[in-house]
Amino acid sequence: GLVQAGGSLRLSCAASGSIYSIGAMGWSRQGPGKQRELV
């Protein structure tokens, strides 16, 4: 969403489907005009 500087957000990610196991999980991001990076 949209927040002001200094504010907070909580992102969630749900995995679904035929899941046998899950190893590492994480978040990456890509800003305008930038390459994707691991967060």
Full PDB file with SEQRES, HELIX, SHEET, SSBOND, CRYST1, ORIGX, SCALE, CONECT and MASTER records, all heavy atoms in Angstrom:
SEQRES   1 A   39  GLY LEU VAL GLN ALA GLY GLY SER LEU ARG LEU SER CYS          
SEQRES   2 A   39  ALA ALA SER GLY SER ILE TYR SER ILE GLY ALA MET GLY          
SEQRES   3 A   39  TRP SER ARG GLN GLY PRO GLY LYS GLN ARG GLU LEU VAL          
CRYST1    1.000    1.000    1.000  90.00  90.00  90.00 P 1           1          
ORIGX1      1.000000  0.000000  0.000000        0.00000                         
ORIGX2      0.000000  1.000000  0.000000        0.00000                         
ORIGX3      0.000000  0.000000  1.000000        0.00000                         
SCALE1      1.000000  0.000000  0.000000        0.00000                         
SCALE2      0.000000  1.000000  0.000000        0.00000                         
SCALE3      0.000000  0.000000  1.000000        0.00000                         
ATOM      1  N   GLY A   1       0.808  -1.202   0.000  1.00  0.00           N  
ATOM      2  CA  GLY A   1       0.000   0.000   0.000  1.00  0.00           C  
ATOM      3  C   GLY A   1       0.840   1.249   0.000  1.00  0.00           C  
ATOM      4  O   GLY A   1       2.049   1.207  -0.222  1.00  0.00           O  
ATOM      5  N   LEU A   2       0.184   2.366   0.257  1.00  0.00           N  
ATOM      6  CA  LEU A   2       0.831   3.675   0.296  1.00  0.00           C  
ATOM      7  C   LEU A   2       0.944   4.139   1.741  1.00  0.00           C  
ATOM      8  O   LEU A   2      -0.056   4.180   2.463  1.00  0.00           O  
ATOM      9  CB  LEU A   2       0.019   4.686  -0.519  1.00  0.00           C  
ATOM     10  CG  LEU A   2       0.469   6.141  -0.468  1.00  0.00           C  
ATOM     11  CD1 LEU A   2       1.859   6.284  -1.073  1.00  0.00           C  
ATOM     12  CD2 LEU A   2      -0.532   7.023  -1.195  1.00  0.00           C  
ATOM     13  N   VAL A   3       2.157   4.469   2.159  1.00  0.00           N  
ATOM     14  CA  VAL A   3       2.395   4.947   3.515  1.00  0.00           C  
ATOM     15  C   VAL A   3       3.352   6.128   3.484  1.00  0.00           C  
ATOM     16  O   VAL A   3       4.095   6.325   2.521  1.00  0.00           O  
ATOM     17  CB  VAL A   3       2.979   3.850   4.436  1.00  0.00           C  
ATOM     18  CG1 VAL A   3       2.002   2.692   4.574  1.00  0.00           C  
ATOM     19  CG2 VAL A   3       4.314   3.360   3.898  1.00  0.00           C  
ATOM     20  N   GLN A   4       3.341   6.911   4.552  1.00  0.00           N  
ATOM     21  CA  GLN A   4       4.272   8.018   4.689  1.00  0.00           C  
ATOM     22  C   GLN A   4       5.596   7.524   5.260  1.00  0.00           C  
ATOM     23  O   GLN A   4       5.650   6.491   5.927  1.00  0.00           O  
ATOM     24  CB  GLN A   4       3.696   9.106   5.593  1.00  0.00           C  
ATOM     25  CG  GLN A   4       2.496   9.835   5.017  1.00  0.00           C  
ATOM     26  CD  GLN A   4       2.034  10.966   5.907  1.00  0.00           C  
ATOM     27  OE1 GLN A   4       2.235  10.957   7.114  1.00  0.00           O  
ATOM     28  NE2 GLN A   4       1.407  11.964   5.299  1.00  0.00           N  
ATOM     29  N   ALA A   5       6.655   8.255   4.976  1.00  0.00           N  
ATOM     30  CA  ALA A   5       7.959   7.915   5.526  1.00  0.00           C  
ATOM     31  C   ALA A   5       7.874   7.812   7.044  1.00  0.00           C  
ATOM     32  O   ALA A   5       7.242   8.639   7.702  1.00  0.00           O  
ATOM     33  CB  ALA A   5       8.992   8.957   5.123  1.00  0.00           C  
ATOM     34  N   GLY A   6       8.503   6.772   7.588  1.00  0.00           N  
ATOM     35  CA  GLY A   6       8.456   6.528   9.012  1.00  0.00           C  
ATOM     36  C   GLY A   6       7.361   5.573   9.427  1.00  0.00           C  
ATOM     37  O   GLY A   6       7.345   5.111  10.578  1.00  0.00           O  
ATOM     38  N   GLY A   7       6.467   5.262   8.518  1.00  0.00           N  
ATOM     39  CA  GLY A   7       5.373   4.367   8.816  1.00  0.00           C  
ATOM     40  C   GLY A   7       5.758   2.910   8.709  1.00  0.00           C  
ATOM     41  O   GLY A   7       6.915   2.566   8.455  1.00  0.00           O  
ATOM     42  N   SER A   8       4.768   2.035   8.891  1.00  0.00           N  
ATOM     43  CA  SER A   8       5.001   0.597   8.883  1.00  0.00           C  
ATOM     44  C   SER A   8       3.991  -0.126   8.014  1.00  0.00           C  
ATOM     45  O   SER A   8       2.860   0.332   7.828  1.00  0.00           O  
ATOM     46  CB  SER A   8       4.921   0.033  10.306  1.00  0.00           C  
ATOM     47  OG  SER A   8       5.902   0.597  11.157  1.00  0.00           O  
ATOM     48  N   LEU A   9       4.412  -1.268   7.503  1.00  0.00           N  
ATOM     49  CA  LEU A   9       3.552  -2.168   6.754  1.00  0.00           C  
ATOM     50  C   LEU A   9       3.962  -3.593   7.081  1.00  0.00           C  
ATOM     51  O   LEU A   9       5.123  -3.854   7.382  1.00  0.00           O  
ATOM     52  CB  LEU A   9       3.664  -1.953   5.246  1.00  0.00           C  
ATOM     53  CG  LEU A   9       2.947  -0.769   4.608  1.00  0.00           C  
ATOM     54  CD1 LEU A   9       3.302  -0.701   3.131  1.00  0.00           C  
ATOM     55  CD2 LEU A   9       1.443  -0.890   4.785  1.00  0.00           C  
ATOM     56  N   ARG A  10       3.012  -4.500   6.999  1.00  0.00           N  
ATOM     57  CA  ARG A  10       3.299  -5.913   7.182  1.00  0.00           C  
ATOM     58  C   ARG A  10       2.818  -6.674   5.952  1.00  0.00           C  
ATOM     59  O   ARG A  10       1.623  -6.707   5.664  1.00  0.00           O  
ATOM     60  CB  ARG A  10       2.613  -6.468   8.426  1.00  0.00           C  
ATOM     61  CG  ARG A  10       2.998  -7.918   8.762  1.00  0.00           C  
ATOM     62  CD  ARG A  10       2.360  -8.356  10.065  1.00  0.00           C  
ATOM     63  NE  ARG A  10       2.870  -9.641  10.542  1.00  0.00           N  
ATOM     64  CZ  ARG A  10       2.136 -10.737  10.678  1.00  0.00           C  
ATOM     65  NH1 ARG A  10       0.843 -10.726  10.388  1.00  0.00           N  
ATOM     66  NH2 ARG A  10       2.692 -11.856  11.129  1.00  0.00           N  
ATOM     67  N   LEU A  11       3.753  -7.263   5.237  1.00  0.00           N  
ATOM     68  CA  LEU A  11       3.433  -8.046   4.060  1.00  0.00           C  
ATOM     69  C   LEU A  11       3.236  -9.506   4.437  1.00  0.00           C  
ATOM     70  O   LEU A  11       3.916 -10.025   5.319  1.00  0.00           O  
ATOM     71  CB  LEU A  11       4.548  -7.940   3.014  1.00  0.00           C  
ATOM     72  CG  LEU A  11       4.950  -6.539   2.562  1.00  0.00           C  
ATOM     73  CD1 LEU A  11       6.007  -6.635   1.469  1.00  0.00           C  
ATOM     74  CD2 LEU A  11       3.745  -5.752   2.075  1.00  0.00           C  
ATOM     75  N   SER A  12       2.316 -10.158   3.751  1.00  0.00           N  
ATOM     76  CA  SER A  12       2.054 -11.568   3.975  1.00  0.00           C  
ATOM     77  C   SER A  12       2.140 -12.316   2.658  1.00  0.00           C  
ATOM     78  O   SER A  12       1.841 -11.769   1.602  1.00  0.00           O  
ATOM     79  CB  SER A  12       0.661 -11.782   4.581  1.00  0.00           C  
ATOM     80  OG  SER A  12       0.539 -11.135   5.823  1.00  0.00           O  
ATOM     81  N   CYS A  13       2.538 -13.567   2.733  1.00  0.00           N  
ATOM     82  CA  CYS A  13       2.610 -14.414   1.558  1.00  0.00           C  
ATOM     83  C   CYS A  13       2.117 -15.798   1.927  1.00  0.00           C  
ATOM     84  O   CYS A  13       2.630 -16.414   2.867  1.00  0.00           O  
ATOM     85  CB  CYS A  13       4.044 -14.488   1.031  1.00  0.00           C  
ATOM     86  SG  CYS A  13       4.273 -15.651  -0.333  1.00  0.00           S  
ATOM     87  N   ALA A  14       1.139 -16.282   1.189  1.00  0.00           N  
ATOM     88  CA  ALA A  14       0.567 -17.595   1.434  1.00  0.00           C  
ATOM     89  C   ALA A  14       0.937 -18.555   0.315  1.00  0.00           C  
ATOM     90  O   ALA A  14       0.761 -18.237  -0.864  1.00  0.00           O  
ATOM     91  CB  ALA A  14      -0.947 -17.496   1.553  1.00  0.00           C  
ATOM     92  N   ALA A  15       1.450 -19.706   0.690  1.00  0.00           N  
ATOM     93  CA  ALA A  15       1.753 -20.764  -0.262  1.00  0.00           C  
ATOM     94  C   ALA A  15       0.613 -21.772  -0.253  1.00  0.00           C  
ATOM     95  O   ALA A  15       0.145 -22.175   0.811  1.00  0.00           O  
ATOM     96  CB  ALA A  15       3.066 -21.450   0.088  1.00  0.00           C  
ATOM     97  N   SER A  16       0.178 -22.169  -1.419  1.00  0.00           N  
ATOM     98  CA  SER A  16      -0.919 -23.122  -1.509  1.00  0.00           C  
ATOM     99  C   SER A  16      -0.698 -24.072  -2.675  1.00  0.00           C  
ATOM    100  O   SER A  16       0.159 -23.846  -3.527  1.00  0.00           O  
ATOM    101  CB  SER A  16      -2.259 -22.403  -1.670  1.00  0.00           C  
ATOM    102  OG  SER A  16      -2.281 -21.643  -2.866  1.00  0.00           O  
ATOM    103  N   GLY A  17      -1.500 -25.124  -2.712  1.00  0.00           N  
ATOM    104  CA  GLY A  17      -1.394 -26.114  -3.762  1.00  0.00           C  
ATOM    105  C   GLY A  17      -0.882 -27.430  -3.218  1.00  0.00           C  
ATOM    106  O   GLY A  17      -0.978 -27.706  -2.028  1.00  0.00           O  
ATOM    107  N   SER A  18      -0.341 -28.239  -4.096  1.00  0.00           N  
ATOM    108  CA  SER A  18       0.198 -29.542  -3.707  1.00  0.00           C  
ATOM    109  C   SER A  18       1.623 -29.356  -3.199  1.00  0.00           C  
ATOM    110  O   SER A  18       2.580 -29.407  -3.967  1.00  0.00           O  
ATOM    111  CB  SER A  18       0.161 -30.504  -4.893  1.00  0.00           C  
ATOM    112  OG  SER A  18       0.627 -31.787  -4.520  1.00  0.00           O  
ATOM    113  N   ILE A  19       1.746 -29.137  -1.891  1.00  0.00           N  
ATOM    114  CA  ILE A  19       3.039 -28.856  -1.271  1.00  0.00           C  
ATOM    115  C   ILE A  19       3.541 -30.073  -0.513  1.00  0.00           C  
ATOM    116  O   ILE A  19       2.901 -30.523   0.432  1.00  0.00           O  
ATOM    117  CB  ILE A  19       2.939 -27.650  -0.324  1.00  0.00           C  
ATOM    118  CG1 ILE A  19       2.456 -26.407  -1.079  1.00  0.00           C  
ATOM    119  CG2 ILE A  19       4.289 -27.384   0.334  1.00  0.00           C  
ATOM    120  CD1 ILE A  19       2.162 -25.224  -0.190  1.00  0.00           C  
ATOM    121  N   TYR A  20       4.690 -30.571  -0.915  1.00  0.00           N  
ATOM    122  CA  TYR A  20       5.328 -31.678  -0.208  1.00  0.00           C  
ATOM    123  C   TYR A  20       6.203 -31.141   0.918  1.00  0.00           C  
ATOM    124  O   TYR A  20       6.158 -31.639   2.045  1.00  0.00           O  
ATOM    125  CB  TYR A  20       6.153 -32.533  -1.174  1.00  0.00           C  
ATOM    126  CG  TYR A  20       6.812 -33.728  -0.522  1.00  0.00           C  
ATOM    127  CD1 TYR A  20       6.092 -34.882  -0.277  1.00  0.00           C  
ATOM    128  CD2 TYR A  20       8.153 -33.682  -0.146  1.00  0.00           C  
ATOM    129  CE1 TYR A  20       6.686 -35.975   0.318  1.00  0.00           C  
ATOM    130  CE2 TYR A  20       8.754 -34.778   0.454  1.00  0.00           C  
ATOM    131  CZ  TYR A  20       8.013 -35.923   0.687  1.00  0.00           C  
ATOM    132  OH  TYR A  20       8.612 -37.010   1.285  1.00  0.00           O  
ATOM    133  N   SER A  21       7.005 -30.136   0.621  1.00  0.00           N  
ATOM    134  CA  SER A  21       7.843 -29.491   1.616  1.00  0.00           C  
ATOM    135  C   SER A  21       8.256 -28.126   1.090  1.00  0.00           C  
ATOM    136  O   SER A  21       8.177 -27.855  -0.102  1.00  0.00           O  
ATOM    137  CB  SER A  21       9.078 -30.331   1.944  1.00  0.00           C  
ATOM    138  OG  SER A  21       9.936 -30.432   0.829  1.00  0.00           O  
ATOM    139  N   ILE A  22       8.692 -27.269   2.005  1.00  0.00           N  
ATOM    140  CA  ILE A  22       9.169 -25.943   1.641  1.00  0.00           C  
ATOM    141  C   ILE A  22      10.512 -25.703   2.302  1.00  0.00           C  
ATOM    142  O   ILE A  22      10.663 -25.914   3.508  1.00  0.00           O  
ATOM    143  CB  ILE A  22       8.193 -24.828   2.083  1.00  0.00           C  
ATOM    144  CG1 ILE A  22       6.804 -25.070   1.504  1.00  0.00           C  
ATOM    145  CG2 ILE A  22       8.714 -23.459   1.648  1.00  0.00           C  
ATOM    146  CD1 ILE A  22       5.782 -24.038   1.946  1.00  0.00           C  
ATOM    147  N   GLY A  23      11.472 -25.276   1.514  1.00  0.00           N  
ATOM    148  CA  GLY A  23      12.780 -24.949   2.050  1.00  0.00           C  
ATOM    149  C   GLY A  23      12.834 -23.490   2.443  1.00  0.00           C  
ATOM    150  O   GLY A  23      12.035 -23.013   3.246  1.00  0.00           O  
ATOM    151  N   ALA A  24      13.764 -22.756   1.870  1.00  0.00           N  
ATOM    152  CA  ALA A  24      13.901 -21.342   2.180  1.00  0.00           C  
ATOM    153  C   ALA A  24      12.736 -20.536   1.617  1.00  0.00           C  
ATOM    154  O   ALA A  24      12.192 -20.856   0.563  1.00  0.00           O  
ATOM    155  CB  ALA A  24      15.220 -20.811   1.628  1.00  0.00           C  
ATOM    156  N   MET A  25      12.357 -19.493   2.329  1.00  0.00           N  
ATOM    157  CA  MET A  25      11.353 -18.553   1.856  1.00  0.00           C  
ATOM    158  C   MET A  25      11.909 -17.151   2.060  1.00  0.00           C  
ATOM    159  O   MET A  25      12.717 -16.920   2.963  1.00  0.00           O  
ATOM    160  CB  MET A  25      10.036 -18.699   2.613  1.00  0.00           C  
ATOM    161  CG  MET A  25       9.387 -20.061   2.492  1.00  0.00           C  
ATOM    162  SD  MET A  25       7.737 -20.130   3.259  1.00  0.00           S  
ATOM    163  CE  MET A  25       6.760 -19.289   1.986  1.00  0.00           C  
ATOM    164  N   GLY A  26      11.480 -16.227   1.241  1.00  0.00           N  
ATOM    165  CA  GLY A  26      11.999 -14.882   1.388  1.00  0.00           C  
ATOM    166  C   GLY A  26      11.270 -13.856   0.554  1.00  0.00           C  
ATOM    167  O   GLY A  26      10.236 -14.138  -0.060  1.00  0.00           O  
ATOM    168  N   TRP A  27      11.839 -12.656   0.574  1.00  0.00           N  
ATOM    169  CA  TRP A  27      11.274 -11.528  -0.136  1.00  0.00           C  
ATOM    170  C   TRP A  27      12.342 -10.827  -0.953  1.00  0.00           C  
ATOM    171  O   TRP A  27      13.475 -10.652  -0.492  1.00  0.00           O  
ATOM    172  CB  TRP A  27      10.674 -10.510   0.843  1.00  0.00           C  
ATOM    173  CG  TRP A  27       9.506 -11.023   1.621  1.00  0.00           C  
ATOM    174  CD1 TRP A  27       9.534 -11.694   2.802  1.00  0.00           C  
ATOM    175  CD2 TRP A  27       8.128 -10.900   1.265  1.00  0.00           C  
ATOM    176  NE1 TRP A  27       8.258 -11.998   3.212  1.00  0.00           N  
ATOM    177  CE2 TRP A  27       7.380 -11.516   2.282  1.00  0.00           C  
ATOM    178  CE3 TRP A  27       7.455 -10.318   0.183  1.00  0.00           C  
ATOM    179  CZ2 TRP A  27       5.987 -11.574   2.249  1.00  0.00           C  
ATOM    180  CZ3 TRP A  27       6.070 -10.380   0.150  1.00  0.00           C  
ATOM    181  CH2 TRP A  27       5.354 -11.006   1.180  1.00  0.00           C  
ATOM    182  N   SER A  28      11.984 -10.425  -2.148  1.00  0.00           N  
ATOM    183  CA  SER A  28      12.833  -9.592  -2.979  1.00  0.00           C  
ATOM    184  C   SER A  28      12.015  -8.385  -3.418  1.00  0.00           C  
ATOM    185  O   SER A  28      10.796  -8.352  -3.237  1.00  0.00           O  
ATOM    186  CB  SER A  28      13.359 -10.369  -4.190  1.00  0.00           C  
ATOM    187  OG  SER A  28      12.295 -10.807  -5.013  1.00  0.00           O  
ATOM    188  N   ARG A  29      12.683  -7.385  -3.968  1.00  0.00           N  
ATOM    189  CA  ARG A  29      11.961  -6.203  -4.415  1.00  0.00           C  
ATOM    190  C   ARG A  29      12.629  -5.611  -5.645  1.00  0.00           C  
ATOM    191  O   ARG A  29      13.809  -5.838  -5.907  1.00  0.00           O  
ATOM    192  CB  ARG A  29      11.891  -5.153  -3.303  1.00  0.00           C  
ATOM    193  CG  ARG A  29      13.231  -4.521  -2.940  1.00  0.00           C  
ATOM    194  CD  ARG A  29      13.090  -3.582  -1.764  1.00  0.00           C  
ATOM    195  NE  ARG A  29      14.345  -2.937  -1.419  1.00  0.00           N  
ATOM    196  CZ  ARG A  29      14.529  -2.142  -0.371  1.00  0.00           C  
ATOM    197  NH1 ARG A  29      13.510  -1.907   0.457  1.00  0.00           N  
ATOM    198  NH2 ARG A  29      15.711  -1.589  -0.136  1.00  0.00           N  
ATOM    199  N   GLN A  30      11.855  -4.850  -6.371  1.00  0.00           N  
ATOM    200  CA  GLN A  30      12.367  -4.162  -7.543  1.00  0.00           C  
ATOM    201  C   GLN A  30      11.739  -2.780  -7.613  1.00  0.00           C  
ATOM    202  O   GLN A  30      10.536  -2.646  -7.828  1.00  0.00           O  
ATOM    203  CB  GLN A  30      12.079  -4.940  -8.818  1.00  0.00           C  
ATOM    204  CG  GLN A  30      12.711  -4.330 -10.055  1.00  0.00           C  
ATOM    205  CD  GLN A  30      12.657  -5.248 -11.250  1.00  0.00           C  
ATOM    206  OE1 GLN A  30      11.813  -6.133 -11.321  1.00  0.00           O  
ATOM    207  NE2 GLN A  30      13.569  -5.052 -12.186  1.00  0.00           N  
ATOM    208  N   GLY A  31      12.551  -1.760  -7.419  1.00  0.00           N  
ATOM    209  CA  GLY A  31      12.088  -0.394  -7.497  1.00  0.00           C  
ATOM    210  C   GLY A  31      12.131   0.113  -8.923  1.00  0.00           C  
ATOM    211  O   GLY A  31      12.711  -0.522  -9.805  1.00  0.00           O  
ATOM    212  N   PRO A  32      11.529   1.263  -9.173  1.00  0.00           N  
ATOM    213  CA  PRO A  32      11.516   1.827 -10.531  1.00  0.00           C  
ATOM    214  C   PRO A  32      12.927   2.114 -11.029  1.00  0.00           C  
ATOM    215  O   PRO A  32      13.707   2.791 -10.360  1.00  0.00           O  
ATOM    216  CB  PRO A  32      10.695   3.112 -10.375  1.00  0.00           C  
ATOM    217  CG  PRO A  32      10.802   3.454  -8.924  1.00  0.00           C  
ATOM    218  CD  PRO A  32      10.852   2.146  -8.208  1.00  0.00           C  
ATOM    219  N   GLY A  33      13.254   1.585 -12.192  1.00  0.00           N  
ATOM    220  CA  GLY A  33      14.565   1.794 -12.772  1.00  0.00           C  
ATOM    221  C   GLY A  33      15.696   1.054 -12.084  1.00  0.00           C  
ATOM    222  O   GLY A  33      16.863   1.356 -12.337  1.00  0.00           O  
ATOM    223  N   LYS A  34      15.370   0.094 -11.226  1.00  0.00           N  
ATOM    224  CA  LYS A  34      16.387  -0.649 -10.493  1.00  0.00           C  
ATOM    225  C   LYS A  34      16.265  -2.147 -10.758  1.00  0.00           C  
ATOM    226  O   LYS A  34      15.226  -2.633 -11.189  1.00  0.00           O  
ATOM    227  CB  LYS A  34      16.259  -0.392  -8.992  1.00  0.00           C  
ATOM    228  CG  LYS A  34      16.404   1.063  -8.580  1.00  0.00           C  
ATOM    229  CD  LYS A  34      16.237   1.219  -7.082  1.00  0.00           C  
ATOM    230  CE  LYS A  34      16.380   2.666  -6.655  1.00  0.00           C  
ATOM    231  NZ  LYS A  34      16.197   2.830  -5.191  1.00  0.00           N  
ATOM    232  N   GLN A  35      17.346  -2.872 -10.475  1.00  0.00           N  
ATOM    233  CA  GLN A  35      17.334  -4.321 -10.599  1.00  0.00           C  
ATOM    234  C   GLN A  35      16.719  -4.944  -9.352  1.00  0.00           C  
ATOM    235  O   GLN A  35      16.724  -4.350  -8.276  1.00  0.00           O  
ATOM    236  CB  GLN A  35      18.750  -4.850 -10.800  1.00  0.00           C  
ATOM    237  CG  GLN A  35      19.400  -4.416 -12.095  1.00  0.00           C  
ATOM    238  CD  GLN A  35      20.747  -5.062 -12.305  1.00  0.00           C  
ATOM    239  OE1 GLN A  35      21.245  -5.801 -11.455  1.00  0.00           O  
ATOM    240  NE2 GLN A  35      21.348  -4.792 -13.444  1.00  0.00           N  
ATOM    241  N   ARG A  36      16.199  -6.147  -9.508  1.00  0.00           N  
ATOM    242  CA  ARG A  36      15.621  -6.838  -8.377  1.00  0.00           C  
ATOM    243  C   ARG A  36      16.716  -7.220  -7.380  1.00  0.00           C  
ATOM    244  O   ARG A  36      17.814  -7.622  -7.768  1.00  0.00           O  
ATOM    245  CB  ARG A  36      14.864  -8.082  -8.833  1.00  0.00           C  
ATOM    246  CG  ARG A  36      14.099  -8.782  -7.713  1.00  0.00           C  
ATOM    247  CD  ARG A  36      13.237  -9.913  -8.232  1.00  0.00           C  
ATOM    248  NE  ARG A  36      12.199  -9.437  -9.142  1.00  0.00           N  
ATOM    249  CZ  ARG A  36      11.201 -10.198  -9.582  1.00  0.00           C  
ATOM    250  NH1 ARG A  36      11.102 -11.461  -9.197  1.00  0.00           N  
ATOM    251  NH2 ARG A  36      10.312  -9.685 -10.423  1.00  0.00           N  
ATOM    252  N   GLU A  37      16.414  -7.080  -6.093  1.00  0.00           N  
ATOM    253  CA  GLU A  37      17.376  -7.399  -5.060  1.00  0.00           C  
ATOM    254  C   GLU A  37      16.711  -8.198  -3.949  1.00  0.00           C  
ATOM    255  O   GLU A  37      15.518  -8.066  -3.686  1.00  0.00           O  
ATOM    256  CB  GLU A  37      17.991  -6.122  -4.466  1.00  0.00           C  
ATOM    257  CG  GLU A  37      16.990  -5.237  -3.740  1.00  0.00           C  
ATOM    258  CD  GLU A  37      17.626  -4.057  -3.029  1.00  0.00           C  
ATOM    259  OE1 GLU A  37      18.859  -4.051  -2.856  1.00  0.00           O  
ATOM    260  OE2 GLU A  37      16.877  -3.133  -2.650  1.00  0.00           O  
ATOM    261  N   LEU A  38      17.504  -9.018  -3.277  1.00  0.00           N  
ATOM    262  CA  LEU A  38      17.016  -9.772  -2.134  1.00  0.00           C  
ATOM    263  C   LEU A  38      16.855  -8.837  -0.950  1.00  0.00           C  
ATOM    264  O   LEU A  38      17.753  -8.054  -0.639  1.00  0.00           O  
ATOM    265  CB  LEU A  38      17.989 -10.898  -1.781  1.00  0.00           C  
ATOM    266  CG  LEU A  38      17.669 -11.680  -0.497  1.00  0.00           C  
ATOM    267  CD1 LEU A  38      16.410 -12.514  -0.695  1.00  0.00           C  
ATOM    268  CD2 LEU A  38      18.848 -12.568  -0.111  1.00  0.00           C  
ATOM    269  N   VAL A  39      15.720  -8.922  -0.279  1.00  0.00           N  
ATOM    270  CA  VAL A  39      15.455  -8.110   0.899  1.00  0.00           C  
ATOM    271  C   VAL A  39      15.688  -8.913   2.168  1.00  0.00           C  
ATOM    272  O   VAL A  39      16.386  -8.470   3.083  1.00  0.00           O  
ATOM    273  CB  VAL A  39      14.015  -7.561   0.881  1.00  0.00           C  
ATOM    274  CG1 VAL A  39      13.707  -6.808   2.180  1.00  0.00           C  
ATOM    275  CG2 VAL A  39      13.813  -6.652  -0.321  1.00  0.00           C  
TER     276      VAL A  39                                                      
MASTER        0    0    0    0    0    0    0    6  275    1    0    3          
END                                                                             
